[in-house]
Amino acid sequence: MQKMAPEAIDRGTEWLAGAGLRPTRQRLALAALLVGDGQHRHVTAESLFDASCAAGERVSLATVYNTLKAFCDAGLLQEVMVDGSKSYFDTNTSNHPHFFWEDDSELTDAPADNLKIAGLPDAPNGAEIVKVDVVIRLRRA
């Protein structure tokens, strides 16, 4: 079991405060795991639950799911759906494409410099296009 560094807890606290979220014990623990080292990451609820258990935090899987949803609603995370059944949560909330590595079910950021999206269909009446997600599937050769 590893304990979280004070810097990680401080970063998590600031991250929550920036979104106006109350720093409950569970939120703070999960925030520290997500942004505590200052790096962006992609997690599933299950992988974050496993990381919290490894850090000695007592958080249920249901609480992890609820907290990830609250973080998304507050704009702290973006949810990336893969296959319509698997959600990944990204701490980088800017618009950017992703690579999905099919061999190990890993999601990583993809460079956006050469990406061009053109010719989107018109949205149906009464709707507007809010966002376009790009997930590029890869398999190691």
N, C-alpha and C. Protein backbone atom coordinates (compact mmCIF):
# COMPACT_ATOMS: atom_id res chain seq x y z
N MET A 1 0.84 -1.18 0.00
CA MET A 1 0.00 0.00 0.00
C MET A 1 0.89 1.24 0.00
N GLN A 2 0.60 2.16 -0.94
CA GLN A 2 1.39 3.39 -1.00
C GLN A 2 0.53 4.56 -0.56
N LYS A 3 1.12 5.47 0.18
CA LYS A 3 0.41 6.67 0.62
C LYS A 3 0.59 7.77 -0.41
N MET A 4 -0.40 8.63 -0.51
CA MET A 4 -0.34 9.73 -1.46
C MET A 4 0.53 10.85 -0.92
N ALA A 5 1.31 11.42 -1.80
CA ALA A 5 2.20 12.51 -1.43
C ALA A 5 1.38 13.77 -1.14
N PRO A 6 1.86 14.60 -0.22
CA PRO A 6 1.14 15.85 0.09
C PRO A 6 0.95 16.73 -1.15
N GLU A 7 1.93 16.71 -2.08
CA GLU A 7 1.79 17.51 -3.31
C GLU A 7 0.61 17.02 -4.14
N ALA A 8 0.41 15.71 -4.18
CA ALA A 8 -0.71 15.14 -4.94
C ALA A 8 -2.04 15.58 -4.33
N ILE A 9 -2.10 15.57 -3.02
CA ILE A 9 -3.33 15.99 -2.34
C ILE A 9 -3.58 17.48 -2.58
N ASP A 10 -2.52 18.29 -2.54
CA ASP A 10 -2.65 19.73 -2.80
C ASP A 10 -3.17 19.98 -4.21
N ARG A 11 -2.59 19.28 -5.21
CA ARG A 11 -3.04 19.45 -6.60
C ARG A 11 -4.51 19.03 -6.74
N GLY A 12 -4.86 17.92 -6.12
CA GLY A 12 -6.24 17.46 -6.17
C GLY A 12 -7.20 18.46 -5.54
N THR A 13 -6.79 19.04 -4.42
CA THR A 13 -7.61 20.04 -3.74
C THR A 13 -7.82 21.26 -4.63
N GLU A 14 -6.75 21.74 -5.25
CA GLU A 14 -6.85 22.90 -6.14
C GLU A 14 -7.73 22.60 -7.35
N TRP A 15 -7.60 21.40 -7.89
CA TRP A 15 -8.38 20.96 -9.06
C TRP A 15 -9.87 21.00 -8.73
N LEU A 16 -10.23 20.46 -7.58
CA LEU A 16 -11.62 20.46 -7.16
C LEU A 16 -12.12 21.88 -6.90
N ALA A 17 -11.31 22.67 -6.22
CA ALA A 17 -11.70 24.05 -5.89
C ALA A 17 -11.92 24.87 -7.16
N GLY A 18 -11.09 24.63 -8.18
CA GLY A 18 -11.24 25.35 -9.45
C GLY A 18 -12.57 25.10 -10.12
N ALA A 19 -13.19 23.97 -9.82
CA ALA A 19 -14.50 23.64 -10.40
C ALA A 19 -15.63 23.88 -9.41
N GLY A 20 -15.28 24.38 -8.22
CA GLY A 20 -16.30 24.65 -7.22
C GLY A 20 -16.88 23.39 -6.57
N LEU A 21 -16.13 22.29 -6.61
CA LEU A 21 -16.60 21.05 -5.99
C LEU A 21 -16.10 20.94 -4.56
N ARG A 22 -16.98 20.50 -3.69
CA ARG A 22 -16.63 20.31 -2.29
C ARG A 22 -15.64 19.14 -2.18
N PRO A 23 -14.54 19.33 -1.46
CA PRO A 23 -13.51 18.28 -1.38
C PRO A 23 -13.83 17.23 -0.31
N THR A 24 -14.78 16.34 -0.62
CA THR A 24 -15.04 15.23 0.30
C THR A 24 -13.81 14.32 0.32
N ARG A 25 -13.75 13.45 1.30
CA ARG A 25 -12.61 12.53 1.41
C ARG A 25 -12.45 11.71 0.14
N GLN A 26 -13.56 11.16 -0.38
CA GLN A 26 -13.49 10.33 -1.57
C GLN A 26 -13.09 11.14 -2.80
N ARG A 27 -13.71 12.29 -2.98
CA ARG A 27 -13.36 13.13 -4.13
C ARG A 27 -11.89 13.53 -4.09
N LEU A 28 -11.43 13.89 -2.92
CA LEU A 28 -10.04 14.32 -2.77
C LEU A 28 -9.08 13.17 -3.08
N ALA A 29 -9.38 12.00 -2.60
CA ALA A 29 -8.52 10.84 -2.88
C ALA A 29 -8.47 10.54 -4.37
N LEU A 30 -9.63 10.55 -5.04
CA LEU A 30 -9.67 10.25 -6.47
C LEU A 30 -9.03 11.38 -7.28
N ALA A 31 -9.25 12.62 -6.87
CA ALA A 31 -8.63 13.76 -7.56
C ALA A 31 -7.11 13.68 -7.46
N ALA A 32 -6.61 13.33 -6.29
CA ALA A 32 -5.15 13.22 -6.12
C ALA A 32 -4.58 12.13 -7.02
N LEU A 33 -5.32 11.04 -7.18
CA LEU A 33 -4.86 9.98 -8.08
C LEU A 33 -4.92 10.41 -9.54
N LEU A 34 -5.90 11.23 -9.89
CA LEU A 34 -6.06 11.65 -11.28
C LEU A 34 -5.07 12.74 -11.69
N VAL A 35 -4.86 13.73 -10.84
CA VAL A 35 -4.04 14.89 -11.24
C VAL A 35 -2.88 15.17 -10.30
N GLY A 36 -2.67 14.32 -9.34
CA GLY A 36 -1.67 14.57 -8.30
C GLY A 36 -0.25 14.71 -8.79
N ASP A 37 0.08 14.06 -9.91
CA ASP A 37 1.44 14.17 -10.42
C ASP A 37 1.56 15.22 -11.53
N GLY A 38 0.46 15.92 -11.82
CA GLY A 38 0.50 16.97 -12.84
C GLY A 38 0.45 16.46 -14.27
N GLN A 39 0.29 15.15 -14.46
CA GLN A 39 0.25 14.57 -15.80
C GLN A 39 -1.19 14.26 -16.18
N HIS A 40 -1.47 14.33 -17.50
CA HIS A 40 -2.78 13.92 -17.98
C HIS A 40 -2.84 12.41 -18.01
N ARG A 41 -4.03 11.87 -17.82
CA ARG A 41 -4.19 10.42 -17.87
C ARG A 41 -5.57 10.05 -18.36
N HIS A 42 -5.68 8.81 -18.80
CA HIS A 42 -6.93 8.20 -19.23
C HIS A 42 -7.19 7.02 -18.31
N VAL A 43 -8.34 7.00 -17.67
CA VAL A 43 -8.66 5.93 -16.75
C VAL A 43 -10.05 5.39 -17.04
N THR A 44 -10.27 4.17 -16.62
CA THR A 44 -11.62 3.63 -16.53
C THR A 44 -12.02 3.68 -15.06
N ALA A 45 -13.28 3.52 -14.79
CA ALA A 45 -13.70 3.49 -13.38
C ALA A 45 -13.00 2.35 -12.66
N GLU A 46 -12.87 1.23 -13.34
CA GLU A 46 -12.23 0.07 -12.72
C GLU A 46 -10.75 0.31 -12.44
N SER A 47 -10.05 0.94 -13.38
CA SER A 47 -8.62 1.19 -13.15
C SER A 47 -8.40 2.22 -12.05
N LEU A 48 -9.29 3.20 -11.95
CA LEU A 48 -9.18 4.19 -10.87
C LEU A 48 -9.52 3.54 -9.53
N PHE A 49 -10.49 2.66 -9.51
CA PHE A 49 -10.83 1.92 -8.30
C PHE A 49 -9.62 1.09 -7.84
N ASP A 50 -8.98 0.39 -8.78
CA ASP A 50 -7.80 -0.41 -8.44
C ASP A 50 -6.68 0.46 -7.88
N ALA A 51 -6.48 1.64 -8.50
CA ALA A 51 -5.43 2.55 -8.03
C ALA A 51 -5.75 3.07 -6.63
N SER A 52 -7.03 3.33 -6.37
CA SER A 52 -7.40 3.82 -5.04
C SER A 52 -7.19 2.73 -3.99
N CYS A 53 -7.50 1.48 -4.33
CA CYS A 53 -7.26 0.37 -3.40
C CYS A 53 -5.76 0.23 -3.12
N ALA A 54 -4.95 0.34 -4.18
CA ALA A 54 -3.49 0.23 -4.02
C ALA A 54 -2.94 1.35 -3.15
N ALA A 55 -3.61 2.52 -3.17
CA ALA A 55 -3.17 3.65 -2.35
C ALA A 55 -3.73 3.58 -0.94
N GLY A 56 -4.50 2.52 -0.65
CA GLY A 56 -5.03 2.35 0.69
C GLY A 56 -6.29 3.15 0.95
N GLU A 57 -6.92 3.65 -0.08
CA GLU A 57 -8.15 4.43 0.08
C GLU A 57 -9.35 3.50 0.09
N ARG A 58 -10.29 3.78 0.97
CA ARG A 58 -11.51 2.98 1.04
C ARG A 58 -12.61 3.70 0.28
N VAL A 59 -12.75 3.33 -0.99
CA VAL A 59 -13.74 3.93 -1.87
C VAL A 59 -14.41 2.79 -2.63
N SER A 60 -15.73 2.76 -2.67
CA SER A 60 -16.42 1.70 -3.40
C SER A 60 -16.39 1.99 -4.90
N LEU A 61 -16.58 0.94 -5.69
CA LEU A 61 -16.63 1.12 -7.15
C LEU A 61 -17.79 2.02 -7.54
N ALA A 62 -18.92 1.91 -6.86
CA ALA A 62 -20.07 2.78 -7.14
C ALA A 62 -19.71 4.24 -6.88
N THR A 63 -18.96 4.50 -5.81
CA THR A 63 -18.53 5.87 -5.52
C THR A 63 -17.59 6.37 -6.60
N VAL A 64 -16.72 5.51 -7.11
CA VAL A 64 -15.82 5.91 -8.19
C VAL A 64 -16.64 6.32 -9.42
N TYR A 65 -17.62 5.50 -9.80
CA TYR A 65 -18.48 5.85 -10.93
C TYR A 65 -19.19 7.18 -10.71
N ASN A 66 -19.79 7.35 -9.55
CA ASN A 66 -20.52 8.60 -9.24
C ASN A 66 -19.60 9.80 -9.24
N THR A 67 -18.40 9.63 -8.70
CA THR A 67 -17.44 10.74 -8.64
C THR A 67 -16.95 11.10 -10.03
N LEU A 68 -16.67 10.10 -10.86
CA LEU A 68 -16.25 10.40 -12.24
C LEU A 68 -17.34 11.16 -12.98
N LYS A 69 -18.59 10.79 -12.77
CA LYS A 69 -19.69 11.52 -13.41
C LYS A 69 -19.74 12.96 -12.90
N ALA A 70 -19.57 13.15 -11.59
CA ALA A 70 -19.57 14.51 -11.03
C ALA A 70 -18.42 15.33 -11.60
N PHE A 71 -17.25 14.70 -11.75
CA PHE A 71 -16.10 15.40 -12.32
C PHE A 71 -16.37 15.79 -13.78
N CYS A 72 -17.01 14.91 -14.54
CA CYS A 72 -17.37 15.23 -15.92
C CYS A 72 -18.37 16.38 -15.96
N ASP A 73 -19.40 16.30 -15.12
CA ASP A 73 -20.43 17.35 -15.07
C ASP A 73 -19.83 18.71 -14.71
N ALA A 74 -18.75 18.70 -13.90
CA ALA A 74 -18.10 19.94 -13.48
C ALA A 74 -17.07 20.42 -14.52
N GLY A 75 -16.85 19.63 -15.58
CA GLY A 75 -15.90 20.03 -16.62
C GLY A 75 -14.46 19.67 -16.32
N LEU A 76 -14.23 18.84 -15.31
CA LEU A 76 -12.87 18.46 -14.95
C LEU A 76 -12.34 17.31 -15.80
N LEU A 77 -13.24 16.49 -16.30
CA LEU A 77 -12.88 15.33 -17.12
C LEU A 77 -13.74 15.31 -18.36
N GLN A 78 -13.24 14.64 -19.39
CA GLN A 78 -14.10 14.34 -20.53
C GLN A 78 -14.22 12.83 -20.63
N GLU A 79 -15.43 12.38 -20.94
CA GLU A 79 -15.68 10.95 -21.11
C GLU A 79 -15.49 10.59 -22.57
N VAL A 80 -14.74 9.54 -22.81
CA VAL A 80 -14.51 9.04 -24.17
C VAL A 80 -15.09 7.63 -24.23
N MET A 81 -16.09 7.47 -25.08
CA MET A 81 -16.73 6.15 -25.21
C MET A 81 -15.99 5.35 -26.27
N VAL A 82 -15.76 4.08 -25.95
CA VAL A 82 -15.16 3.15 -26.90
C VAL A 82 -16.11 1.96 -27.00
N ASP A 83 -16.55 1.65 -28.18
CA ASP A 83 -17.47 0.54 -28.43
C ASP A 83 -18.85 0.74 -27.80
N GLY A 84 -19.16 1.92 -27.36
CA GLY A 84 -20.46 2.17 -26.76
C GLY A 84 -20.68 1.49 -25.42
N SER A 85 -19.72 0.68 -24.99
CA SER A 85 -19.89 -0.02 -23.73
C SER A 85 -18.78 0.28 -22.73
N LYS A 86 -17.70 0.84 -23.20
CA LYS A 86 -16.54 1.09 -22.33
C LYS A 86 -16.26 2.58 -22.32
N SER A 87 -16.23 3.16 -21.12
CA SER A 87 -15.94 4.59 -20.98
C SER A 87 -14.55 4.77 -20.40
N TYR A 88 -13.83 5.70 -20.98
CA TYR A 88 -12.55 6.16 -20.45
C TYR A 88 -12.75 7.60 -20.04
N PHE A 89 -12.01 8.03 -19.04
CA PHE A 89 -12.12 9.40 -18.55
C PHE A 89 -10.77 10.06 -18.70
N ASP A 90 -10.75 11.22 -19.35
CA ASP A 90 -9.52 11.91 -19.73
C ASP A 90 -9.42 13.21 -18.94
N THR A 91 -8.27 13.43 -18.30
CA THR A 91 -8.06 14.68 -17.56
C THR A 91 -7.75 15.85 -18.49
N ASN A 92 -7.42 15.56 -19.74
CA ASN A 92 -7.19 16.62 -20.73
C ASN A 92 -8.54 16.92 -21.38
N THR A 93 -9.15 18.03 -21.02
CA THR A 93 -10.49 18.34 -21.50
C THR A 93 -10.52 19.13 -22.80
N SER A 94 -9.34 19.41 -23.38
CA SER A 94 -9.33 20.10 -24.67
C SER A 94 -9.81 19.14 -25.76
N ASN A 95 -10.27 19.69 -26.87
CA ASN A 95 -10.68 18.85 -27.99
C ASN A 95 -9.44 18.25 -28.64
N HIS A 96 -9.35 16.93 -28.65
CA HIS A 96 -8.21 16.25 -29.25
C HIS A 96 -8.58 14.81 -29.57
N PRO A 97 -7.91 14.23 -30.57
CA PRO A 97 -8.19 12.83 -30.94
C PRO A 97 -7.49 11.85 -30.01
N HIS A 98 -7.90 10.61 -30.10
CA HIS A 98 -7.31 9.55 -29.27
C HIS A 98 -6.94 8.34 -30.12
N PHE A 99 -5.93 7.62 -29.66
CA PHE A 99 -5.61 6.30 -30.17
C PHE A 99 -6.20 5.30 -29.18
N PHE A 100 -6.87 4.28 -29.70
CA PHE A 100 -7.31 3.17 -28.85
C PHE A 100 -6.53 1.94 -29.28
N TRP A 101 -5.69 1.46 -28.39
CA TRP A 101 -4.84 0.30 -28.65
C TRP A 101 -5.64 -0.96 -28.34
N GLU A 102 -6.13 -1.62 -29.38
CA GLU A 102 -7.02 -2.76 -29.21
C GLU A 102 -6.36 -3.93 -28.48
N ASP A 103 -5.04 -4.10 -28.65
CA ASP A 103 -4.37 -5.24 -28.04
C ASP A 103 -4.43 -5.23 -26.52
N ASP A 104 -4.36 -4.03 -25.93
CA ASP A 104 -4.38 -3.97 -24.46
C ASP A 104 -5.44 -3.02 -23.92
N SER A 105 -6.38 -2.60 -24.76
CA SER A 105 -7.49 -1.73 -24.36
C SER A 105 -7.00 -0.46 -23.69
N GLU A 106 -5.96 0.14 -24.23
CA GLU A 106 -5.40 1.38 -23.68
C GLU A 106 -5.79 2.55 -24.57
N LEU A 107 -6.15 3.67 -23.95
CA LEU A 107 -6.49 4.89 -24.66
C LEU A 107 -5.37 5.90 -24.42
N THR A 108 -4.86 6.50 -25.49
CA THR A 108 -3.81 7.52 -25.38
C THR A 108 -4.18 8.70 -26.28
N ASP A 109 -3.58 9.85 -26.00
CA ASP A 109 -3.79 11.01 -26.86
C ASP A 109 -3.11 10.80 -28.20
N ALA A 110 -3.74 11.30 -29.26
CA ALA A 110 -3.17 11.25 -30.60
C ALA A 110 -2.84 12.68 -31.01
N PRO A 111 -1.80 12.86 -31.82
CA PRO A 111 -1.48 14.22 -32.27
C PRO A 111 -2.59 14.75 -33.18
N ALA A 112 -2.90 16.02 -33.03
CA ALA A 112 -3.98 16.62 -33.80
C ALA A 112 -3.50 17.50 -34.94
N ASP A 113 -2.17 17.67 -35.09
CA ASP A 113 -1.65 18.63 -36.06
C ASP A 113 -2.15 18.38 -37.49
N ASN A 114 -2.25 17.14 -37.94
CA ASN A 114 -2.65 16.85 -39.32
C ASN A 114 -4.11 16.43 -39.45
N LEU A 115 -4.83 16.42 -38.36
CA LEU A 115 -6.22 15.99 -38.40
C LEU A 115 -7.10 17.09 -38.96
N LYS A 116 -7.88 16.73 -39.98
CA LYS A 116 -8.84 17.67 -40.56
C LYS A 116 -10.17 16.96 -40.67
N ILE A 117 -11.20 17.56 -40.12
CA ILE A 117 -12.54 17.00 -40.22
C ILE A 117 -13.34 17.94 -41.12
N ALA A 118 -13.82 17.41 -42.21
CA ALA A 118 -14.57 18.23 -43.17
C ALA A 118 -15.80 17.45 -43.63
N GLY A 119 -16.81 18.19 -44.04
CA GLY A 119 -17.97 17.54 -44.61
C GLY A 119 -18.86 16.84 -43.61
N LEU A 120 -18.98 17.39 -42.42
CA LEU A 120 -19.90 16.79 -41.44
C LEU A 120 -21.33 16.90 -41.96
N PRO A 121 -22.16 15.92 -41.67
CA PRO A 121 -23.56 16.03 -42.08
C PRO A 121 -24.26 17.13 -41.29
N ASP A 122 -25.32 17.67 -41.85
CA ASP A 122 -26.11 18.65 -41.12
C ASP A 122 -26.79 17.95 -39.95
N ALA A 123 -26.88 18.65 -38.85
CA ALA A 123 -27.60 18.11 -37.70
C ALA A 123 -29.09 18.07 -38.02
N PRO A 124 -29.82 17.11 -37.49
CA PRO A 124 -31.26 17.07 -37.71
C PRO A 124 -31.93 18.33 -37.16
N ASN A 125 -33.12 18.62 -37.65
CA ASN A 125 -33.88 19.77 -37.17
C ASN A 125 -34.02 19.72 -35.66
N GLY A 126 -33.79 20.85 -35.02
CA GLY A 126 -33.93 20.94 -33.58
C GLY A 126 -32.71 20.46 -32.81
N ALA A 127 -31.60 20.18 -33.52
CA ALA A 127 -30.39 19.69 -32.85
C ALA A 127 -29.19 20.47 -33.36
N GLU A 128 -28.13 20.47 -32.56
CA GLU A 128 -26.89 21.09 -32.98
C GLU A 128 -25.73 20.16 -32.67
N ILE A 129 -24.71 20.19 -33.49
CA ILE A 129 -23.51 19.39 -33.24
C ILE A 129 -22.74 20.06 -32.12
N VAL A 130 -22.48 19.32 -31.06
CA VAL A 130 -21.80 19.86 -29.89
C VAL A 130 -20.32 19.52 -29.93
N LYS A 131 -20.01 18.31 -30.39
CA LYS A 131 -18.64 17.85 -30.34
C LYS A 131 -18.49 16.67 -31.30
N VAL A 132 -17.30 16.52 -31.82
CA VAL A 132 -16.98 15.36 -32.65
C VAL A 132 -15.83 14.63 -31.97
N ASP A 133 -16.06 13.36 -31.61
CA ASP A 133 -15.01 12.55 -31.00
C ASP A 133 -14.31 11.75 -32.08
N VAL A 134 -12.99 11.73 -32.02
CA VAL A 134 -12.20 10.94 -32.95
C VAL A 134 -11.39 9.93 -32.15
N VAL A 135 -11.69 8.65 -32.39
CA VAL A 135 -10.94 7.56 -31.77
C VAL A 135 -10.38 6.71 -32.90
N ILE A 136 -9.08 6.66 -33.00
CA ILE A 136 -8.38 5.91 -34.03
C ILE A 136 -7.94 4.59 -33.42
N ARG A 137 -8.45 3.51 -33.96
CA ARG A 137 -8.15 2.18 -33.40
C ARG A 137 -6.86 1.66 -34.00
N LEU A 138 -6.00 1.13 -33.12
CA LEU A 138 -4.71 0.59 -33.53
C LEU A 138 -4.53 -0.83 -33.04
N ARG A 139 -3.76 -1.59 -33.80
CA ARG A 139 -3.34 -2.92 -33.39
C ARG A 139 -1.85 -3.00 -33.68
N ARG A 140 -1.08 -3.49 -32.74
CA ARG A 140 0.36 -3.59 -32.94
C ARG A 140 0.66 -4.60 -34.02
N ALA A 141 1.56 -4.23 -34.91
CA ALA A 141 1.91 -5.11 -36.04
C ALA A 141 2.97 -6.12 -35.65
